[in-house]
């Protein structure tokens, strides 16, 4: 007995192999190829090769034993939802969310207490209005650290994912962050050292790695701290934190990269906020700071961010 699935618009023109790997993630690639050879998986009632391209409306029939094996992957139901106040922009292909500090973008190592990460919340929020797809799931198109707050762009469709990824690759996306540095930065500074990642320690450092450019602009100073805007020319892991340290102005509170203790009264380990984003696919976007962080900046720097 076979279970039938119908390809949606976000499956159109994808290789059958790619659709099946998403549809049946517990099956190895070899097992999927065998199922295609033996006819346990059929496309529009006929056998098909892994490289065959699927079209919207095509029917994929899968031997029920293969489908049953996927049951343990079904996520447990939960009442957690995406707060409307986090949503900055919605369009037909892209959604932009402002993430609070302390929330993971992806589930993974270090998830606290089973709290759902941002990508799960966004997918649940989109689910009622999303077109059915066998191979595509909405997801974040870039990522920020758990302690970093601010703008994260999510795909709503495959077309949106491809378009924004192409814009990132072509450097048509401009990102500006707001942060607090240790020390008194008295003028604009640029860091252009390459960055290398150490997967063992999960840290980054300047070295013979990937090219990276970060520009810092002071906004206000107070008590040995600098409120600064930061423009990213590239998007490497921990780039702002590493380049700030390399210039001698680490993020205040970022002990891993030389920033010492968290400033008094700041209710997050360090302040790094993905503040503004512009791209030809989106209107100019700004993520307001969380009220607790905005209040701290106003108190310390006499500035309203």
Protein backbone atom coordinates (compact mmCIF):
# COMPACT_ATOMS: atom_id res chain seq x y z
CA UNK A 1 0.00 0.00 0.00
CA UNK A 2 1.27 3.46 -0.88
CA UNK A 3 0.66 6.88 0.64
CA UNK A 4 0.20 9.68 -1.87
CA UNK A 5 1.63 13.20 -1.56
CA UNK A 6 0.98 16.12 -3.90
CA UNK A 7 3.79 18.52 -4.81
CA UNK A 8 3.11 22.21 -4.12
CA UNK A 9 4.39 25.40 -5.70
CA UNK A 10 7.50 25.41 -3.48
CA UNK A 11 8.40 21.93 -4.73
CA UNK A 12 8.24 22.97 -8.39
CA UNK A 13 11.32 22.19 -10.50
CA UNK A 14 13.20 20.54 -7.63
CA UNK A 15 14.93 17.21 -8.13
CA UNK A 16 12.88 14.24 -6.96
CA UNK A 17 15.80 13.18 -4.79
CA UNK A 18 15.77 16.55 -3.00
CA UNK A 19 12.02 16.39 -2.39
CA UNK A 20 12.27 12.87 -0.99
CA UNK A 21 15.17 13.74 1.33
CA UNK A 22 13.01 16.42 2.95
CA UNK A 23 9.86 14.30 2.88
CA UNK A 24 11.58 11.21 4.36
CA UNK A 25 14.52 12.58 6.38
CA UNK A 26 15.09 9.35 8.35
CA UNK A 27 15.85 7.40 5.18
CA UNK A 28 19.41 7.29 3.91
CA UNK A 29 20.19 8.46 0.40
CA UNK A 30 20.96 4.88 -0.57
CA UNK A 31 17.59 3.70 0.75
CA UNK A 32 15.79 6.38 -1.26
CA UNK A 33 17.62 5.40 -4.45
CA UNK A 34 16.74 1.75 -3.85
CA UNK A 35 13.07 2.66 -3.30
CA UNK A 36 13.05 4.50 -6.62
CA UNK A 37 14.71 1.58 -8.45
CA UNK A 38 12.28 -0.99 -7.04
CA UNK A 39 9.18 1.15 -7.56
CA UNK A 40 8.45 1.63 -3.83
CA UNK A 41 8.37 5.33 -4.69
CA UNK A 42 6.55 6.38 -7.87
CA UNK A 43 6.08 9.74 -9.54
CA UNK A 44 2.69 10.19 -11.21
CA UNK A 45 2.22 6.42 -11.10
CA UNK A 46 5.50 5.56 -12.81
CA UNK A 47 9.05 4.82 -11.78
CA UNK A 48 11.37 7.83 -11.95
CA UNK A 49 15.07 8.56 -11.57
CA UNK A 50 16.45 10.59 -8.63
CA UNK A 51 17.39 13.47 -10.95
CA UNK A 52 13.86 13.78 -12.39
CA UNK A 53 12.41 17.24 -11.74
CA UNK A 54 9.13 17.49 -9.83
CA UNK A 55 6.40 19.89 -10.95
CA UNK A 56 3.64 21.51 -8.92
CA UNK A 57 0.64 19.15 -8.82
CA UNK A 58 2.70 15.98 -9.38
CA UNK A 59 1.78 12.98 -7.23
CA UNK A 60 4.46 11.09 -5.31
CA UNK A 61 3.33 7.68 -4.04
CA UNK A 62 5.48 6.22 -1.24
CA UNK A 63 5.31 2.65 0.13
CA UNK A 64 3.64 3.03 3.54
CA UNK A 65 6.47 1.32 5.47
CA UNK A 66 8.79 4.17 4.48
CA UNK A 67 6.28 6.77 5.66
CA UNK A 68 5.59 4.99 8.97
CA UNK A 69 9.30 5.14 9.76
CA UNK A 70 9.04 8.93 9.82
CA UNK A 71 6.44 9.06 12.61
CA UNK A 72 8.93 9.52 15.51
CA UNK A 73 10.08 12.80 13.91
CA UNK A 74 6.70 14.45 14.46
CA UNK A 75 7.24 17.28 16.99
CA UNK A 76 5.28 17.26 20.21
CA UNK A 77 2.37 19.71 20.25
CA UNK A 78 2.93 22.95 22.15
CA UNK A 79 0.96 26.06 22.97
CA UNK A 80 3.93 28.40 22.39
CA UNK A 81 3.25 31.00 19.70
CA UNK A 82 5.10 33.88 18.08
CA UNK A 83 4.16 37.14 19.85
CA UNK A 84 2.68 39.65 17.41
CA UNK A 85 4.93 42.34 18.90
CA UNK A 86 7.98 40.52 17.50
CA UNK A 87 6.76 40.77 13.89
CA UNK A 88 8.34 43.69 12.02
CA UNK A 89 7.35 42.92 8.41
CA UNK A 90 5.28 40.39 6.52
CA UNK A 91 5.20 39.94 2.75
CA UNK A 92 4.25 37.18 0.32
CA UNK A 93 7.78 35.71 0.29
CA UNK A 94 9.59 37.04 3.39
CA UNK A 95 8.86 37.68 7.06
CA UNK A 96 11.07 39.77 9.36
CA UNK A 97 11.04 39.25 13.13
CA UNK A 98 12.70 41.16 15.96
CA UNK A 99 14.22 38.59 18.33
CA UNK A 100 14.68 39.38 22.02
CA UNK A 101 18.02 38.69 23.67
CA UNK A 102 18.16 35.19 25.17
CA UNK A 103 16.15 33.44 22.43
CA UNK A 104 17.83 30.90 20.14
CA UNK A 105 17.30 31.16 16.38
CA UNK A 106 17.69 27.37 15.92
CA UNK A 107 17.18 24.47 18.29
CA UNK A 108 20.48 22.90 19.18
CA UNK A 109 23.09 22.51 21.84
CA UNK A 110 22.34 24.64 24.87
CA UNK A 111 18.57 24.97 24.46
CA UNK A 112 17.20 25.77 27.90
CA UNK A 113 14.22 23.96 29.40
CA UNK A 114 12.72 22.89 26.11
CA UNK A 115 11.96 26.48 25.14
CA UNK A 116 11.08 26.57 21.42
CA UNK A 117 13.60 28.48 19.29
CA UNK A 118 12.60 31.29 16.99
CA UNK A 119 12.44 29.20 13.81
CA UNK A 120 9.85 26.85 15.35
CA UNK A 121 7.72 29.77 16.55
CA UNK A 122 7.78 31.38 13.11
CA UNK A 123 6.85 28.13 11.35
CA UNK A 124 3.87 27.61 13.68
CA UNK A 125 2.75 31.19 13.09
CA UNK A 126 3.00 30.77 9.32
CA UNK A 127 1.44 27.28 9.18
CA UNK A 128 -2.27 28.22 8.84
CA UNK A 129 -1.60 30.40 5.79
CA UNK A 130 1.28 28.45 4.23
CA UNK A 131 0.84 26.52 1.00
CA UNK A 132 1.51 22.80 1.41
CA UNK A 133 5.02 21.78 0.40
CA UNK A 134 6.74 18.41 0.55
CA UNK A 135 10.30 19.72 0.45
CA UNK A 136 10.35 23.33 1.64
CA UNK A 137 10.06 24.68 5.18
CA UNK A 138 10.13 28.37 6.07
CA UNK A 139 13.32 29.18 7.92
CA UNK A 140 15.81 31.90 8.90
CA UNK A 141 17.95 33.20 6.06
CA UNK A 142 20.75 34.35 8.36
CA UNK A 143 21.34 33.97 12.07
CA UNK A 144 22.28 35.97 15.13
CA UNK A 145 23.58 34.70 18.49
CA UNK A 146 21.32 33.87 21.41
CA UNK A 147 22.30 37.01 23.32
CA UNK A 148 22.03 39.27 20.26
CA UNK A 149 18.63 40.87 19.76
CA UNK A 150 17.01 42.38 16.70
CA UNK A 151 16.13 41.68 13.08
CA UNK A 152 16.06 38.19 11.56
CA UNK A 153 14.71 37.57 8.03
CA UNK A 154 12.72 34.37 7.39
CA UNK A 155 11.70 32.80 4.12
CA UNK A 156 8.01 32.27 3.56
CA UNK A 157 8.42 30.65 0.13
CA UNK A 158 11.21 29.00 -1.80
CA UNK A 159 11.29 32.03 -4.12
CA UNK A 160 11.82 34.30 -1.13
CA UNK A 161 14.62 32.11 0.23
CA UNK A 162 16.42 32.09 -3.10
CA UNK A 163 16.01 35.83 -3.70
CA UNK A 164 17.25 36.90 -0.26
CA UNK A 165 20.15 34.43 -0.30
CA UNK A 166 21.19 35.84 -3.68
CA UNK A 167 20.97 39.38 -2.27
CA UNK A 168 23.20 38.40 0.65
CA UNK A 169 25.74 36.80 -1.69
CA UNK A 170 25.76 39.93 -3.87
CA UNK A 171 26.11 42.16 -0.76
CA UNK A 172 22.87 43.99 -1.50
CA UNK A 173 21.80 43.63 2.15
CA UNK A 174 22.95 46.34 4.57
CA UNK A 175 22.88 45.63 8.32
CA UNK A 176 23.47 48.11 11.12
CA UNK A 177 23.86 47.04 14.75
CA UNK A 178 23.77 48.99 18.00
CA UNK A 179 26.22 48.02 20.72
CA UNK A 180 28.04 49.22 23.84
CA UNK A 181 31.85 49.04 23.76
CA UNK A 182 34.33 49.01 26.61
CA UNK A 183 36.47 52.16 26.32
CA UNK A 184 36.10 55.58 24.72
CA UNK A 185 35.97 55.32 20.94
CA UNK A 186 36.57 58.89 19.76
CA UNK A 187 35.90 58.49 16.03
CA UNK A 188 34.90 56.06 13.27
CA UNK A 189 37.07 52.96 12.99
CA UNK A 190 37.18 50.10 10.51
CA UNK A 191 38.41 46.56 11.10
CA UNK A 192 39.27 44.49 8.05
CA UNK A 193 41.15 41.50 9.47
CA UNK A 194 40.16 38.05 8.23
CA UNK A 195 38.37 35.84 10.75
CA UNK A 196 39.00 32.17 11.44
CA UNK A 197 36.57 29.91 13.34
CA UNK A 198 37.67 27.26 15.88
CA UNK A 199 34.90 24.63 15.95
CA UNK A 200 36.46 22.97 18.99
CA UNK A 201 36.15 26.01 21.26
CA UNK A 202 33.23 27.52 19.30
CA UNK A 203 35.08 30.84 19.16
CA UNK A 204 36.42 33.06 16.37
CA UNK A 205 39.62 35.08 16.06
CA UNK A 206 41.44 37.26 13.59
CA UNK A 207 43.74 35.15 11.46
CA UNK A 208 44.13 33.47 8.09
CA UNK A 209 40.42 32.83 7.62
CA UNK A 210 37.54 34.42 5.74
CA UNK A 211 37.69 38.08 4.72
CA UNK A 212 35.64 40.35 6.98
CA UNK A 213 34.96 44.11 7.23
CA UNK A 214 33.29 45.89 10.17
CA UNK A 215 32.81 49.65 10.64
CA UNK A 216 32.24 51.24 14.06
CA UNK A 217 30.80 54.76 14.63
CA UNK A 218 30.58 56.28 18.12
CA UNK A 219 27.20 57.77 19.09
CA UNK A 220 27.73 58.70 22.75
CA UNK A 221 30.20 58.12 25.60
CA UNK A 222 29.73 57.74 29.35
CA UNK A 223 31.82 56.33 32.22
CA UNK A 224 34.36 54.52 30.08
CA UNK A 225 31.76 53.10 27.70
CA UNK A 226 30.85 53.96 24.09
CA UNK A 227 27.43 53.57 22.51
CA UNK A 228 28.20 52.75 18.88
CA UNK A 229 26.58 51.92 15.57
CA UNK A 230 28.19 49.07 13.64
CA UNK A 231 27.92 48.38 9.90
CA UNK A 232 28.74 44.91 8.60
CA UNK A 233 30.45 44.55 5.26
CA UNK A 234 30.45 40.76 5.68
CA UNK A 235 28.67 38.30 7.95
CA UNK A 236 31.12 36.01 9.74
CA UNK A 237 30.40 34.19 13.00
CA UNK A 238 31.05 36.51 15.98
CA UNK A 239 32.41 39.10 13.55
CA UNK A 240 31.45 42.22 15.52
CA UNK A 241 32.68 40.74 18.79
CA UNK A 242 36.04 39.69 17.33
CA UNK A 243 36.68 42.93 15.44
CA UNK A 244 35.68 45.06 18.43
CA UNK A 245 38.24 43.17 20.50
CA UNK A 246 40.90 43.55 17.79
CA UNK A 247 40.47 47.35 17.86
CA UNK A 248 40.82 47.43 21.65
CA UNK A 249 37.13 48.21 22.27
CA UNK A 250 35.45 44.89 23.12
CA UNK A 251 31.73 44.67 23.75
CA UNK A 252 31.17 45.62 27.39
CA UNK A 253 30.26 42.42 29.26
CA UNK A 254 31.48 40.05 26.54
CA UNK A 255 34.01 38.22 28.73
CA UNK A 256 34.78 35.63 26.03
CA UNK A 257 36.25 38.40 23.86
CA UNK A 258 37.82 40.60 26.51
CA UNK A 259 34.85 42.75 27.50
CA UNK A 260 34.98 42.08 31.24
CA UNK A 261 31.94 42.21 33.50
CA UNK A 262 28.47 43.27 32.39
CA UNK A 263 27.89 47.00 33.06
CA UNK A 264 25.81 47.69 36.17
CA UNK A 265 22.08 47.66 35.52
CA UNK A 266 22.28 46.10 32.05
CA UNK A 267 19.91 43.13 32.13
CA UNK A 268 21.62 41.19 29.33
CA UNK A 269 25.22 39.85 29.31
CA UNK A 270 26.20 42.41 26.67
CA UNK A 271 24.26 44.67 24.34
CA UNK A 272 24.34 43.84 20.64
CA UNK A 273 21.20 44.68 18.70
CA UNK A 274 20.53 44.04 14.98
CA UNK A 275 18.97 47.46 14.60
CA UNK A 276 18.45 48.30 10.94
CA UNK A 277 18.30 46.36 7.69
CA UNK A 278 17.90 47.52 4.12
CA UNK A 279 17.66 45.50 0.92
CA UNK A 280 16.03 45.97 -2.48
CA UNK A 281 13.64 43.12 -1.59
CA UNK A 282 12.31 44.86 1.53
CA UNK A 283 11.41 48.33 2.77
CA UNK A 284 13.97 49.90 5.15
CA UNK A 285 13.40 48.20 8.50
CA UNK A 286 14.20 49.17 12.09
CA UNK A 287 13.78 47.01 15.19
CA UNK A 288 13.06 49.02 18.35
CA UNK A 289 15.13 48.05 21.35
CA UNK A 290 13.42 46.15 24.13
CA UNK A 291 12.08 48.71 26.65
CA UNK A 292 14.47 47.52 29.39
CA UNK A 293 17.48 48.07 27.11
CA UNK A 294 16.25 51.40 25.75
CA UNK A 295 15.71 52.62 29.33
CA UNK A 296 19.24 51.60 30.32
CA UNK A 297 20.78 53.44 27.34
CA UNK A 298 18.77 56.57 28.09
CA UNK A 299 19.89 56.47 31.73
CA UNK A 300 23.58 55.82 31.00
CA UNK A 301 24.14 57.84 27.81
CA UNK A 302 21.32 60.41 28.01
CA UNK A 303 20.30 59.20 24.52
CA UNK A 304 17.00 57.86 23.23
CA UNK A 305 17.89 55.10 20.74
